[in-house]
């Protein structure tokens, strides 16, 4: 499935109760799997961590390439996947793009996985 077909994280959290409360439908399982797949990469997990830990919880792509040891095109690809999944937002300023966590995105995902 193409990255552009992934639903935003908000769509996943609106569809699904915590996993231990009720069985997921096939459709909801597909939505949740796409979101988890976006995070299921070591570079993407590090990017989320780096953005969250950066000053003002916002980071320029230019600040993220060196810590990852990856080229700018690769880092930009991973960031696009995270934006398309609704985990990060992107704001263009001049020639650079700046990223920040979507407020509550990780909390919403965690609430799906936590036993209540």
PDB file of N, CA and C in Angstrom:
ATOM      1  N   UNK A   1       0.846  -1.178   0.000  1.00  0.00           N
ATOM      2  CA  UNK A   1       0.000   0.000   0.000  1.00  0.00           C
ATOM      3  C   UNK A   1       0.889   1.237   0.000  1.00  0.00           C
ATOM      4  N   UNK A   2       0.543   2.213  -0.763  1.00  0.00           N
ATOM      5  CA  UNK A   2       1.334   3.438  -0.872  1.00  0.00           C
ATOM      6  C   UNK A   2       1.236   4.250   0.403  1.00  0.00           C
ATOM      7  N   UNK A   3       2.302   4.979   0.689  1.00  0.00           N
ATOM      8  CA  UNK A   3       2.348   5.819   1.880  1.00  0.00           C
ATOM      9  C   UNK A   3       1.208   6.825   1.863  1.00  0.00           C
ATOM     10  N   UNK A   4       0.880   7.337   0.702  1.00  0.00           N
ATOM     11  CA  UNK A   4      -0.166   8.352   0.610  1.00  0.00           C
ATOM     12  C   UNK A   4      -1.539   7.790   0.940  1.00  0.00           C
ATOM     13  N   UNK A   5      -1.676   6.470   0.959  1.00  0.00           N
ATOM     14  CA  UNK A   5      -2.955   5.862   1.288  1.00  0.00           C
ATOM     15  C   UNK A   5      -3.117   5.628   2.786  1.00  0.00           C
ATOM     16  N   UNK A   6      -2.071   5.885   3.565  1.00  0.00           N
ATOM     17  CA  UNK A   6      -2.142   5.674   5.005  1.00  0.00           C
ATOM     18  C   UNK A   6      -3.090   6.694   5.618  1.00  0.00           C
ATOM     19  N   UNK A   7      -3.869   6.257   6.595  1.00  0.00           N
ATOM     20  CA  UNK A   7      -4.783   7.160   7.270  1.00  0.00           C
ATOM     21  C   UNK A   7      -4.059   7.888   8.388  1.00  0.00           C
ATOM     22  N   UNK A   8      -4.440   9.104   8.679  1.00  0.00           N
ATOM     23  CA  UNK A   8      -3.831   9.821   9.794  1.00  0.00           C
ATOM     24  C   UNK A   8      -4.085   9.084  11.095  1.00  0.00           C
ATOM     25  N   UNK A   9      -3.209   9.290  12.066  1.00  0.00           N
ATOM     26  CA  UNK A   9      -3.320   8.641  13.358  1.00  0.00           C
ATOM     27  C   UNK A   9      -4.671   8.915  13.991  1.00  0.00           C
ATOM     28  N   UNK A  10      -5.226  10.088  13.802  1.00  0.00           N
ATOM     29  CA  UNK A  10      -6.528  10.412  14.387  1.00  0.00           C
ATOM     30  C   UNK A  10      -7.587   9.430  13.922  1.00  0.00           C
ATOM     31  N   UNK A  11      -7.530   8.981  12.657  1.00  0.00           N
ATOM     32  CA  UNK A  11      -8.502   8.022  12.151  1.00  0.00           C
ATOM     33  C   UNK A  11      -8.373   6.687  12.867  1.00  0.00           C
ATOM     34  N   UNK A  12      -7.155   6.304  13.220  1.00  0.00           N
ATOM     35  CA  UNK A  12      -6.942   5.041  13.913  1.00  0.00           C
ATOM     36  C   UNK A  12      -7.510   5.114  15.317  1.00  0.00           C
ATOM     37  N   UNK A  13      -7.240   6.190  16.031  1.00  0.00           N
ATOM     38  CA  UNK A  13      -7.687   6.282  17.412  1.00  0.00           C
ATOM     39  C   UNK A  13      -9.198   6.440  17.518  1.00  0.00           C
ATOM     40  N   UNK A  14      -9.828   7.032  16.516  1.00  0.00           N
ATOM     41  CA  UNK A  14     -11.275   7.179  16.549  1.00  0.00           C
ATOM     42  C   UNK A  14     -11.980   5.855  16.263  1.00  0.00           C
ATOM     43  N   UNK A  15     -11.311   4.934  15.620  1.00  0.00           N
ATOM     44  CA  UNK A  15     -11.953   3.691  15.208  1.00  0.00           C
ATOM     45  C   UNK A  15     -11.869   2.595  16.244  1.00  0.00           C
ATOM     46  N   UNK A  16     -10.897   2.713  17.137  1.00  0.00           N
ATOM     47  CA  UNK A  16     -10.544   1.531  17.908  1.00  0.00           C
ATOM     48  C   UNK A  16     -10.559   1.767  19.412  1.00  0.00           C
ATOM     49  N   UNK A  17     -11.189   0.848  20.149  1.00  0.00           N
ATOM     50  CA  UNK A  17     -11.091   0.827  21.604  1.00  0.00           C
ATOM     51  C   UNK A  17      -9.763   0.158  21.953  1.00  0.00           C
ATOM     52  N   UNK A  18      -9.294   0.292  23.208  1.00  0.00           N
ATOM     53  CA  UNK A  18      -8.070  -0.432  23.574  1.00  0.00           C
ATOM     54  C   UNK A  18      -8.174  -1.903  23.167  1.00  0.00           C
ATOM     55  N   UNK A  19      -7.078  -2.453  22.731  1.00  0.00           N
ATOM     56  CA  UNK A  19      -7.061  -3.783  22.134  1.00  0.00           C
ATOM     57  C   UNK A  19      -7.598  -4.872  23.045  1.00  0.00           C
ATOM     58  N   UNK A  20      -7.525  -4.677  24.351  1.00  0.00           N
ATOM     59  CA  UNK A  20      -7.977  -5.722  25.265  1.00  0.00           C
ATOM     60  C   UNK A  20      -9.455  -5.622  25.607  1.00  0.00           C
ATOM     61  N   UNK A  21     -10.117  -4.564  25.197  1.00  0.00           N
ATOM     62  CA  UNK A  21     -11.552  -4.405  25.500  1.00  0.00           C
ATOM     63  C   UNK A  21     -12.444  -5.148  24.515  1.00  0.00           C
ATOM     64  N   UNK A  22     -12.050  -5.128  23.261  1.00  0.00           N
ATOM     65  CA  UNK A  22     -12.866  -5.794  22.241  1.00  0.00           C
ATOM     66  C   UNK A  22     -11.965  -6.208  21.087  1.00  0.00           C
ATOM     67  N   UNK A  23     -12.422  -7.192  20.360  1.00  0.00           N
ATOM     68  CA  UNK A  23     -11.650  -7.663  19.207  1.00  0.00           C
ATOM     69  C   UNK A  23     -11.700  -6.616  18.103  1.00  0.00           C
ATOM     70  N   UNK A  24     -10.574  -6.421  17.437  1.00  0.00           N
ATOM     71  CA  UNK A  24     -10.524  -5.486  16.311  1.00  0.00           C
ATOM     72  C   UNK A  24     -11.208  -6.080  15.100  1.00  0.00           C
ATOM     73  N   UNK A  25     -11.898  -5.232  14.378  1.00  0.00           N
ATOM     74  CA  UNK A  25     -12.433  -5.668  13.094  1.00  0.00           C
ATOM     75  C   UNK A  25     -11.265  -5.741  12.108  1.00  0.00           C
ATOM     76  N   UNK A  26     -11.461  -6.391  11.006  1.00  0.00           N
ATOM     77  CA  UNK A  26     -10.414  -6.489   9.987  1.00  0.00           C
ATOM     78  C   UNK A  26     -10.010  -5.103   9.493  1.00  0.00           C
ATOM     79  N   UNK A  27     -10.993  -4.232   9.286  1.00  0.00           N
ATOM     80  CA  UNK A  27     -10.714  -2.877   8.799  1.00  0.00           C
ATOM     81  C   UNK A  27      -9.902  -2.076   9.823  1.00  0.00           C
ATOM     82  N   UNK A  28     -10.289  -2.144  11.094  1.00  0.00           N
ATOM     83  CA  UNK A  28      -9.574  -1.408  12.128  1.00  0.00           C
ATOM     84  C   UNK A  28      -8.164  -1.970  12.344  1.00  0.00           C
ATOM     85  N   UNK A  29      -8.022  -3.268  12.203  1.00  0.00           N
ATOM     86  CA  UNK A  29      -6.697  -3.881  12.320  1.00  0.00           C
ATOM     87  C   UNK A  29      -5.782  -3.384  11.205  1.00  0.00           C
ATOM     88  N   UNK A  30      -6.315  -3.224  10.004  1.00  0.00           N
ATOM     89  CA  UNK A  30      -5.531  -2.692   8.883  1.00  0.00           C
ATOM     90  C   UNK A  30      -5.082  -1.265   9.161  1.00  0.00           C
ATOM     91  N   UNK A  31      -5.994  -0.434   9.673  1.00  0.00           N
ATOM     92  CA  UNK A  31      -5.665   0.964   9.978  1.00  0.00           C
ATOM     93  C   UNK A  31      -4.577   1.044  11.038  1.00  0.00           C
ATOM     94  N   UNK A  32      -4.732   0.283  12.106  1.00  0.00           N
ATOM     95  CA  UNK A  32      -3.750   0.305  13.185  1.00  0.00           C
ATOM     96  C   UNK A  32      -2.405  -0.240  12.713  1.00  0.00           C
ATOM     97  N   UNK A  33      -2.420  -1.279  11.906  1.00  0.00           N
ATOM     98  CA  UNK A  33      -1.175  -1.856  11.389  1.00  0.00           C
ATOM     99  C   UNK A  33      -0.410  -0.852  10.540  1.00  0.00           C
ATOM    100  N   UNK A  34      -1.109  -0.057   9.742  1.00  0.00           N
ATOM    101  CA  UNK A  34      -0.430   0.963   8.929  1.00  0.00           C
ATOM    102  C   UNK A  34       0.259   2.007   9.810  1.00  0.00           C
ATOM    103  N   UNK A  35      -0.409   2.399  10.883  1.00  0.00           N
ATOM    104  CA  UNK A  35       0.198   3.374  11.794  1.00  0.00           C
ATOM    105  C   UNK A  35       1.411   2.773  12.495  1.00  0.00           C
ATOM    106  N   UNK A  36       1.262   1.567  13.003  1.00  0.00           N
ATOM    107  CA  UNK A  36       2.380   0.916  13.682  1.00  0.00           C
ATOM    108  C   UNK A  36       3.538   0.667  12.722  1.00  0.00           C
ATOM    109  N   UNK A  37       3.220   0.366  11.480  1.00  0.00           N
ATOM    110  CA  UNK A  37       4.262   0.143  10.483  1.00  0.00           C
ATOM    111  C   UNK A  37       5.096   1.403  10.275  1.00  0.00           C
ATOM    112  N   UNK A  38       4.455   2.559  10.345  1.00  0.00           N
ATOM    113  CA  UNK A  38       5.191   3.817  10.198  1.00  0.00           C
ATOM    114  C   UNK A  38       6.215   3.993  11.311  1.00  0.00           C
ATOM    115  N   UNK A  39       5.911   3.474  12.487  1.00  0.00           N
ATOM    116  CA  UNK A  39       6.834   3.587  13.621  1.00  0.00           C
ATOM    117  C   UNK A  39       7.796   2.407  13.727  1.00  0.00           C
ATOM    118  N   UNK A  40       7.547   1.352  13.001  1.00  0.00           N
ATOM    119  CA  UNK A  40       8.318   0.113  13.137  1.00  0.00           C
ATOM    120  C   UNK A  40       9.616   0.142  12.344  1.00  0.00           C
ATOM    121  N   UNK A  41      10.362   1.194  12.514  1.00  0.00           N
ATOM    122  CA  UNK A  41      11.650   1.340  11.850  1.00  0.00           C
ATOM    123  C   UNK A  41      12.559   2.074  12.830  1.00  0.00           C
ATOM    124  N   UNK A  42      13.755   1.560  13.077  1.00  0.00           N
ATOM    125  CA  UNK A  42      14.647   2.207  14.061  1.00  0.00           C
ATOM    126  C   UNK A  42      14.933   3.673  13.746  1.00  0.00           C
ATOM    127  N   UNK A  43      15.114   4.006  12.484  1.00  0.00           N
ATOM    128  CA  UNK A  43      15.395   5.399  12.120  1.00  0.00           C
ATOM    129  C   UNK A  43      14.196   6.282  12.432  1.00  0.00           C
ATOM    130  N   UNK A  44      12.984   5.803  12.172  1.00  0.00           N
ATOM    131  CA  UNK A  44      11.784   6.600  12.434  1.00  0.00           C
ATOM    132  C   UNK A  44      11.551   6.764  13.931  1.00  0.00           C
ATOM    133  N   UNK A  45      11.795   5.719  14.691  1.00  0.00           N
ATOM    134  CA  UNK A  45      11.671   5.848  16.144  1.00  0.00           C
ATOM    135  C   UNK A  45      12.663   6.874  16.683  1.00  0.00           C
ATOM    136  N   UNK A  46      13.874   6.847  16.155  1.00  0.00           N
ATOM    137  CA  UNK A  46      14.878   7.834  16.574  1.00  0.00           C
ATOM    138  C   UNK A  46      14.464   9.236  16.157  1.00  0.00           C
ATOM    139  N   UNK A  47      13.904   9.373  14.966  1.00  0.00           N
ATOM    140  CA  UNK A  47      13.451  10.695  14.510  1.00  0.00           C
ATOM    141  C   UNK A  47      12.370  11.260  15.437  1.00  0.00           C
ATOM    142  N   UNK A  48      11.409  10.438  15.813  1.00  0.00           N
ATOM    143  CA  UNK A  48      10.368  10.896  16.733  1.00  0.00           C
ATOM    144  C   UNK A  48      11.009  11.343  18.040  1.00  0.00           C
ATOM    145  N   UNK A  49      11.946  10.565  18.532  1.00  0.00           N
ATOM    146  CA  UNK A  49      12.645  10.893  19.770  1.00  0.00           C
ATOM    147  C   UNK A  49      13.463  12.174  19.637  1.00  0.00           C
ATOM    148  N   UNK A  50      14.177  12.317  18.533  1.00  0.00           N
ATOM    149  CA  UNK A  50      14.996  13.511  18.312  1.00  0.00           C
ATOM    150  C   UNK A  50      14.143  14.771  18.201  1.00  0.00           C
ATOM    151  N   UNK A  51      13.042  14.685  17.489  1.00  0.00           N
ATOM    152  CA  UNK A  51      12.157  15.850  17.353  1.00  0.00           C
ATOM    153  C   UNK A  51      11.576  16.214  18.719  1.00  0.00           C
ATOM    154  N   UNK A  52      11.091  15.227  19.453  1.00  0.00           N
ATOM    155  CA  UNK A  52      10.481  15.493  20.762  1.00  0.00           C
ATOM    156  C   UNK A  52      11.481  16.085  21.743  1.00  0.00           C
ATOM    157  N   UNK A  53      12.748  15.670  21.657  1.00  0.00           N
ATOM    158  CA  UNK A  53      13.772  16.130  22.596  1.00  0.00           C
ATOM    159  C   UNK A  53      14.434  17.437  22.162  1.00  0.00           C
ATOM    160  N   UNK A  54      14.183  17.877  20.957  1.00  0.00           N
ATOM    161  CA  UNK A  54      14.811  19.089  20.423  1.00  0.00           C
ATOM    162  C   UNK A  54      14.242  20.330  21.105  1.00  0.00           C
ATOM    163  N   UNK A  55      14.972  21.428  21.056  1.00  0.00           N
ATOM    164  CA  UNK A  55      14.527  22.694  21.631  1.00  0.00           C
ATOM    165  C   UNK A  55      13.135  23.040  21.086  1.00  0.00           C
ATOM    166  N   UNK A  56      12.222  23.371  21.970  1.00  0.00           N
ATOM    167  CA  UNK A  56      10.837  23.699  21.616  1.00  0.00           C
ATOM    168  C   UNK A  56      10.112  22.544  20.928  1.00  0.00           C
ATOM    169  N   UNK A  57      10.637  21.329  21.065  1.00  0.00           N
ATOM    170  CA  UNK A  57      10.033  20.136  20.458  1.00  0.00           C
ATOM    171  C   UNK A  57       9.795  20.314  18.960  1.00  0.00           C
ATOM    172  N   UNK A  58      10.717  21.020  18.309  1.00  0.00           N
ATOM    173  CA  UNK A  58      10.649  21.261  16.869  1.00  0.00           C
ATOM    174  C   UNK A  58      12.059  21.134  16.317  1.00  0.00           C
ATOM    175  N   UNK A  59      12.197  20.448  15.182  1.00  0.00           N
ATOM    176  CA  UNK A  59      13.523  20.261  14.607  1.00  0.00           C
ATOM    177  C   UNK A  59      13.484  20.458  13.099  1.00  0.00           C
ATOM    178  N   UNK A  60      14.561  21.053  12.600  1.00  0.00           N
ATOM    179  CA  UNK A  60      14.758  21.213  11.165  1.00  0.00           C
ATOM    180  C   UNK A  60      15.348  19.914  10.627  1.00  0.00           C
ATOM    181  N   UNK A  61      14.982  19.566   9.418  1.00  0.00           N
ATOM    182  CA  UNK A  61      15.561  18.372   8.807  1.00  0.00           C
ATOM    183  C   UNK A  61      17.082  18.469   8.785  1.00  0.00           C
ATOM    184  N   UNK A  62      17.603  19.683   8.689  1.00  0.00           N
ATOM    185  CA  UNK A  62      19.049  19.879   8.661  1.00  0.00           C
ATOM    186  C   UNK A  62      19.706  19.483   9.985  1.00  0.00           C
ATOM    187  N   UNK A  63      18.928  19.475  11.077  1.00  0.00           N
ATOM    188  CA  UNK A  63      19.450  19.079  12.389  1.00  0.00           C
ATOM    189  C   UNK A  63      19.321  17.582  12.650  1.00  0.00           C
ATOM    190  N   UNK A  64      18.663  16.866  11.770  1.00  0.00           N
ATOM    191  CA  UNK A  64      18.367  15.463  12.021  1.00  0.00           C
ATOM    192  C   UNK A  64      19.242  14.488  11.239  1.00  0.00           C
ATOM    193  N   UNK A  65      19.895  14.951  10.200  1.00  0.00           N
ATOM    194  CA  UNK A  65      20.672  14.033   9.365  1.00  0.00           C
ATOM    195  C   UNK A  65      21.921  13.531  10.087  1.00  0.00           C
ATOM    196  N   UNK A  66      22.670  14.422  10.723  1.00  0.00           N
ATOM    197  CA  UNK A  66      23.916  14.019  11.383  1.00  0.00           C
ATOM    198  C   UNK A  66      23.693  13.026  12.526  1.00  0.00           C
ATOM    199  N   UNK A  67      22.749  13.275  13.445  1.00  0.00           N
ATOM    200  CA  UNK A  67      22.556  12.312  14.533  1.00  0.00           C
ATOM    201  C   UNK A  67      22.167  10.915  14.050  1.00  0.00           C
ATOM    202  N   UNK A  68      21.473  10.841  12.924  1.00  0.00           N
ATOM    203  CA  UNK A  68      21.066   9.537  12.390  1.00  0.00           C
ATOM    204  C   UNK A  68      22.154   8.885  11.546  1.00  0.00           C
ATOM    205  N   UNK A  69      23.062   9.690  11.050  1.00  0.00           N
ATOM    206  CA  UNK A  69      24.097   9.148  10.179  1.00  0.00           C
ATOM    207  C   UNK A  69      23.553   8.729   8.827  1.00  0.00           C
ATOM    208  N   UNK A  70      22.473   9.364   8.415  1.00  0.00           N
ATOM    209  CA  UNK A  70      21.847   9.066   7.127  1.00  0.00           C
ATOM    210  C   UNK A  70      21.857  10.324   6.280  1.00  0.00           C
ATOM    211  N   UNK A  71      21.735  10.150   4.982  1.00  0.00           N
ATOM    212  CA  UNK A  71      21.687  11.278   4.068  1.00  0.00           C
ATOM    213  C   UNK A  71      20.368  12.028   4.175  1.00  0.00           C
ATOM    214  N   UNK A  72      20.382  13.285   3.733  1.00  0.00           N
ATOM    215  CA  UNK A  72      19.185  14.118   3.805  1.00  0.00           C
ATOM    216  C   UNK A  72      18.001  13.523   3.041  1.00  0.00           C
ATOM    217  N   UNK A  73      18.191  12.951   1.841  1.00  0.00           N
ATOM    218  CA  UNK A  73      17.036  12.367   1.153  1.00  0.00           C
ATOM    219  C   UNK A  73      16.407  11.203   1.933  1.00  0.00           C
ATOM    220  N   UNK A  74      17.230  10.385   2.567  1.00  0.00           N
ATOM    221  CA  UNK A  74      16.711   9.255   3.351  1.00  0.00           C
ATOM    222  C   UNK A  74      15.961   9.757   4.577  1.00  0.00           C
ATOM    223  N   UNK A  75      16.541  10.731   5.266  1.00  0.00           N
ATOM    224  CA  UNK A  75      15.877  11.305   6.444  1.00  0.00           C
ATOM    225  C   UNK A  75      14.558  11.953   6.025  1.00  0.00           C
ATOM    226  N   UNK A  76      14.561  12.673   4.933  1.00  0.00           N
ATOM    227  CA  UNK A  76      13.329  13.307   4.445  1.00  0.00           C
ATOM    228  C   UNK A  76      12.259  12.267   4.123  1.00  0.00           C
ATOM    229  N   UNK A  77      12.650  11.152   3.557  1.00  0.00           N
ATOM    230  CA  UNK A  77      11.691  10.068   3.268  1.00  0.00           C
ATOM    231  C   UNK A  77      11.063   9.554   4.567  1.00  0.00           C
ATOM    232  N   UNK A  78      11.893   9.274   5.569  1.00  0.00           N
ATOM    233  CA  UNK A  78      11.375   8.782   6.840  1.00  0.00           C
ATOM    234  C   UNK A  78      10.451   9.813   7.498  1.00  0.00           C
ATOM    235  N   UNK A  79      10.813  11.073   7.414  1.00  0.00           N
ATOM    236  CA  UNK A  79       9.969  12.125   7.972  1.00  0.00           C
ATOM    237  C   UNK A  79       8.624  12.203   7.245  1.00  0.00           C
ATOM    238  N   UNK A  80       8.637  12.015   5.934  1.00  0.00           N
ATOM    239  CA  UNK A  80       7.388  12.025   5.166  1.00  0.00           C
ATOM    240  C   UNK A  80       6.465  10.894   5.607  1.00  0.00           C
ATOM    241  N   UNK A  81       7.034   9.730   5.850  1.00  0.00           N
ATOM    242  CA  UNK A  81       6.235   8.595   6.323  1.00  0.00           C
ATOM    243  C   UNK A  81       5.576   8.946   7.664  1.00  0.00           C
ATOM    244  N   UNK A  82       6.341   9.570   8.553  1.00  0.00           N
ATOM    245  CA  UNK A  82       5.808   9.947   9.866  1.00  0.00           C
ATOM    246  C   UNK A  82       4.755  11.046   9.757  1.00  0.00           C
ATOM    247  N   UNK A  83       4.929  11.976   8.832  1.00  0.00           N
ATOM    248  CA  UNK A  83       3.922  13.018   8.601  1.00  0.00           C
ATOM    249  C   UNK A  83       2.655  12.390   8.028  1.00  0.00           C
ATOM    250  N   UNK A  84       2.803  11.527   7.036  1.00  0.00           N
ATOM    251  CA  UNK A  84       1.639  10.884   6.411  1.00  0.00           C
ATOM    252  C   UNK A  84       0.867  10.023   7.404  1.00  0.00           C
ATOM    253  N   UNK A  85       1.564   9.487   8.406  1.00  0.00           N
ATOM    254  CA  UNK A  85       0.919   8.656   9.427  1.00  0.00           C
ATOM    255  C   UNK A  85       0.269   9.501  10.524  1.00  0.00           C
ATOM    256  N   UNK A  86       0.453  10.824  10.478  1.00  0.00           N
ATOM    257  CA  UNK A  86      -0.164  11.694  11.469  1.00  0.00           C
ATOM    258  C   UNK A  86       0.600  11.788  12.774  1.00  0.00           C
ATOM    259  N   UNK A  87       1.872  11.425  12.756  1.00  0.00           N
ATOM    260  CA  UNK A  87       2.693  11.454  13.966  1.00  0.00           C
ATOM    261  C   UNK A  87       3.451  12.769  14.077  1.00  0.00           C
ATOM    262  N   UNK A  88       3.915  13.298  12.951  1.00  0.00           N
ATOM    263  CA  UNK A  88       4.617  14.579  12.916  1.00  0.00           C
ATOM    264  C   UNK A  88       3.871  15.550  12.007  1.00  0.00           C
ATOM    265  N   UNK A  89       4.095  16.849  12.246  1.00  0.00           N
ATOM    266  CA  UNK A  89       3.630  17.870  11.319  1.00  0.00           C
ATOM    267  C   UNK A  89       4.855  18.495  10.662  1.00  0.00           C
ATOM    268  N   UNK A  90       4.646  19.088   9.505  1.00  0.00           N
ATOM    269  CA  UNK A  90       5.739  19.696   8.734  1.00  0.00           C
ATOM    270  C   UNK A  90       5.378  21.129   8.404  1.00  0.00           C
ATOM    271  N   UNK A  91       6.349  22.024   8.612  1.00  0.00           N
ATOM    272  CA  UNK A  91       6.161  23.423   8.232  1.00  0.00           C
ATOM    273  C   UNK A  91       7.380  23.855   7.431  1.00  0.00           C
ATOM    274  N   UNK A  92       7.153  24.352   6.245  1.00  0.00           N
ATOM    275  CA  UNK A  92       8.238  24.804   5.367  1.00  0.00           C
ATOM    276  C   UNK A  92       8.580  26.248   5.707  1.00  0.00           C
ATOM    277  N   UNK A  93       9.871  26.520   5.892  1.00  0.00           N
ATOM    278  CA  UNK A  93      10.374  27.882   6.124  1.00  0.00           C
ATOM    279  C   UNK A  93      11.583  28.082   5.236  1.00  0.00           C
ATOM    280  N   UNK A  94      11.418  28.878   4.222  1.00  0.00           N
ATOM    281  CA  UNK A  94      12.506  29.078   3.268  1.00  0.00           C
ATOM    282  C   UNK A  94      12.789  27.770   2.555  1.00  0.00           C
ATOM    283  N   UNK A  95      14.040  27.337   2.589  1.00  0.00           N
ATOM    284  CA  UNK A  95      14.407  26.091   1.915  1.00  0.00           C
ATOM    285  C   UNK A  95      14.350  24.887   2.841  1.00  0.00           C
ATOM    286  N   UNK A  96      14.099  25.100   4.131  1.00  0.00           N
ATOM    287  CA  UNK A  96      14.110  24.009   5.101  1.00  0.00           C
ATOM    288  C   UNK A  96      12.715  23.677   5.590  1.00  0.00           C
ATOM    289  N   UNK A  97      12.539  22.433   5.995  1.00  0.00           N
ATOM    290  CA  UNK A  97      11.288  21.979   6.598  1.00  0.00           C
ATOM    291  C   UNK A  97      11.540  21.720   8.081  1.00  0.00           C
ATOM    292  N   UNK A  98      10.579  22.120   8.903  1.00  0.00           N
ATOM    293  CA  UNK A  98      10.653  21.937  10.348  1.00  0.00           C
ATOM    294  C   UNK A  98       9.541  20.981  10.775  1.00  0.00           C
ATOM    295  N   UNK A  99       9.863  20.101  11.715  1.00  0.00           N
ATOM    296  CA  UNK A  99       8.951  19.052  12.136  1.00  0.00           C
ATOM    297  C   UNK A  99       8.692  19.137  13.628  1.00  0.00           C
ATOM    298  N   UNK A 100       7.454  18.810  14.005  1.00  0.00           N
ATOM    299  CA  UNK A 100       7.110  18.679  15.418  1.00  0.00           C
ATOM    300  C   UNK A 100       6.086  17.563  15.569  1.00  0.00           C
ATOM    301  N   UNK A 101       6.008  17.023  16.784  1.00  0.00           N
ATOM    302  CA  UNK A 101       5.034  15.979  17.064  1.00  0.00           C
ATOM    303  C   UNK A 101       3.629  16.543  16.990  1.00  0.00           C
ATOM    304  N   UNK A 102       2.710  15.772  16.478  1.00  0.00           N
ATOM    305  CA  UNK A 102       1.303  16.130  16.523  1.00  0.00           C
ATOM    306  C   UNK A 102       0.881  16.009  17.989  1.00  0.00           C
ATOM    307  N   UNK A 103       0.323  17.065  18.569  1.00  0.00           N
ATOM    308  CA  UNK A 103      -0.062  16.990  19.984  1.00  0.00           C
ATOM    309  C   UNK A 103      -0.974  15.796  20.253  1.00  0.00           C
ATOM    310  N   UNK A 104      -0.577  14.974  21.203  1.00  0.00           N
ATOM    311  CA  UNK A 104      -1.371  13.824  21.607  1.00  0.00           C
ATOM    312  C   UNK A 104      -1.259  12.602  20.714  1.00  0.00           C
ATOM    313  N   UNK A 105      -0.501  12.679  19.633  1.00  0.00           N
ATOM    314  CA  UNK A 105      -0.444  11.546  18.699  1.00  0.00           C
ATOM    315  C   UNK A 105       0.081  10.284  19.367  1.00  0.00           C
ATOM    316  N   UNK A 106       1.151  10.396  20.117  1.00  0.00           N
ATOM    317  CA  UNK A 106       1.701   9.216  20.775  1.00  0.00           C
ATOM    318  C   UNK A 106       0.828   8.781  21.939  1.00  0.00           C
ATOM    319  N   UNK A 107       0.186   9.738  22.616  1.00  0.00           N
ATOM    320  CA  UNK A 107      -0.736   9.396  23.697  1.00  0.00           C
ATOM    321  C   UNK A 107      -1.905   8.588  23.154  1.00  0.00           C
ATOM    322  N   UNK A 108      -2.427   9.012  22.005  1.00  0.00           N
ATOM    323  CA  UNK A 108      -3.551   8.301  21.393  1.00  0.00           C
ATOM    324  C   UNK A 108      -3.164   6.878  21.017  1.00  0.00           C
ATOM    325  N   UNK A 109      -1.974   6.738  20.457  1.00  0.00           N
ATOM    326  CA  UNK A 109      -1.516   5.404  20.090  1.00  0.00           C
ATOM    327  C   UNK A 109      -1.307   4.547  21.331  1.00  0.00           C
ATOM    328  N   UNK A 110      -0.711   5.121  22.358  1.00  0.00           N
ATOM    329  CA  UNK A 110      -0.483   4.374  23.602  1.00  0.00           C
ATOM    330  C   UNK A 110      -1.792   3.918  24.217  1.00  0.00           C
ATOM    331  N   UNK A 111      -2.813   4.749  24.153  1.00  0.00           N
ATOM    332  CA  UNK A 111      -4.107   4.385  24.762  1.00  0.00           C
ATOM    333  C   UNK A 111      -4.722   3.180  24.074  1.00  0.00           C
ATOM    334  N   UNK A 112      -4.405   2.946  22.826  1.00  0.00           N
ATOM    335  CA  UNK A 112      -4.902   1.755  22.132  1.00  0.00           C
ATOM    336  C   UNK A 112      -4.245   0.486  22.653  1.00  0.00           C
ATOM    337  N   UNK A 113      -3.024   0.621  23.127  1.00  0.00           N
ATOM    338  CA  UNK A 113      -2.238  -0.542  23.520  1.00  0.00           C
ATOM    339  C   UNK A 113      -2.279  -0.843  25.011  1.00  0.00           C
ATOM    340  N   UNK A 114      -2.721   0.111  25.815  1.00  0.00           N
ATOM    341  CA  UNK A 114      -2.713  -0.026  27.274  1.00  0.00           C
ATOM    342  C   UNK A 114      -3.960  -0.797  27.737  1.00  0.00           C
ATOM    343  N   UNK A 115      -3.719  -1.706  28.657  1.00  0.00           N
ATOM    344  CA  UNK A 115      -4.820  -2.431  29.279  1.00  0.00           C
ATOM    345  C   UNK A 115      -5.436  -1.558  30.351  1.00  0.00           C
ATOM    346  N   UNK A 116      -6.735  -1.403  30.293  1.00  0.00           N
ATOM    347  CA  UNK A 116      -7.435  -0.573  31.292  1.00  0.00           C
ATOM    348  C   UNK A 116      -8.277  -1.442  32.155  1.00  0.00           C
TER     349      UNK A 116
END
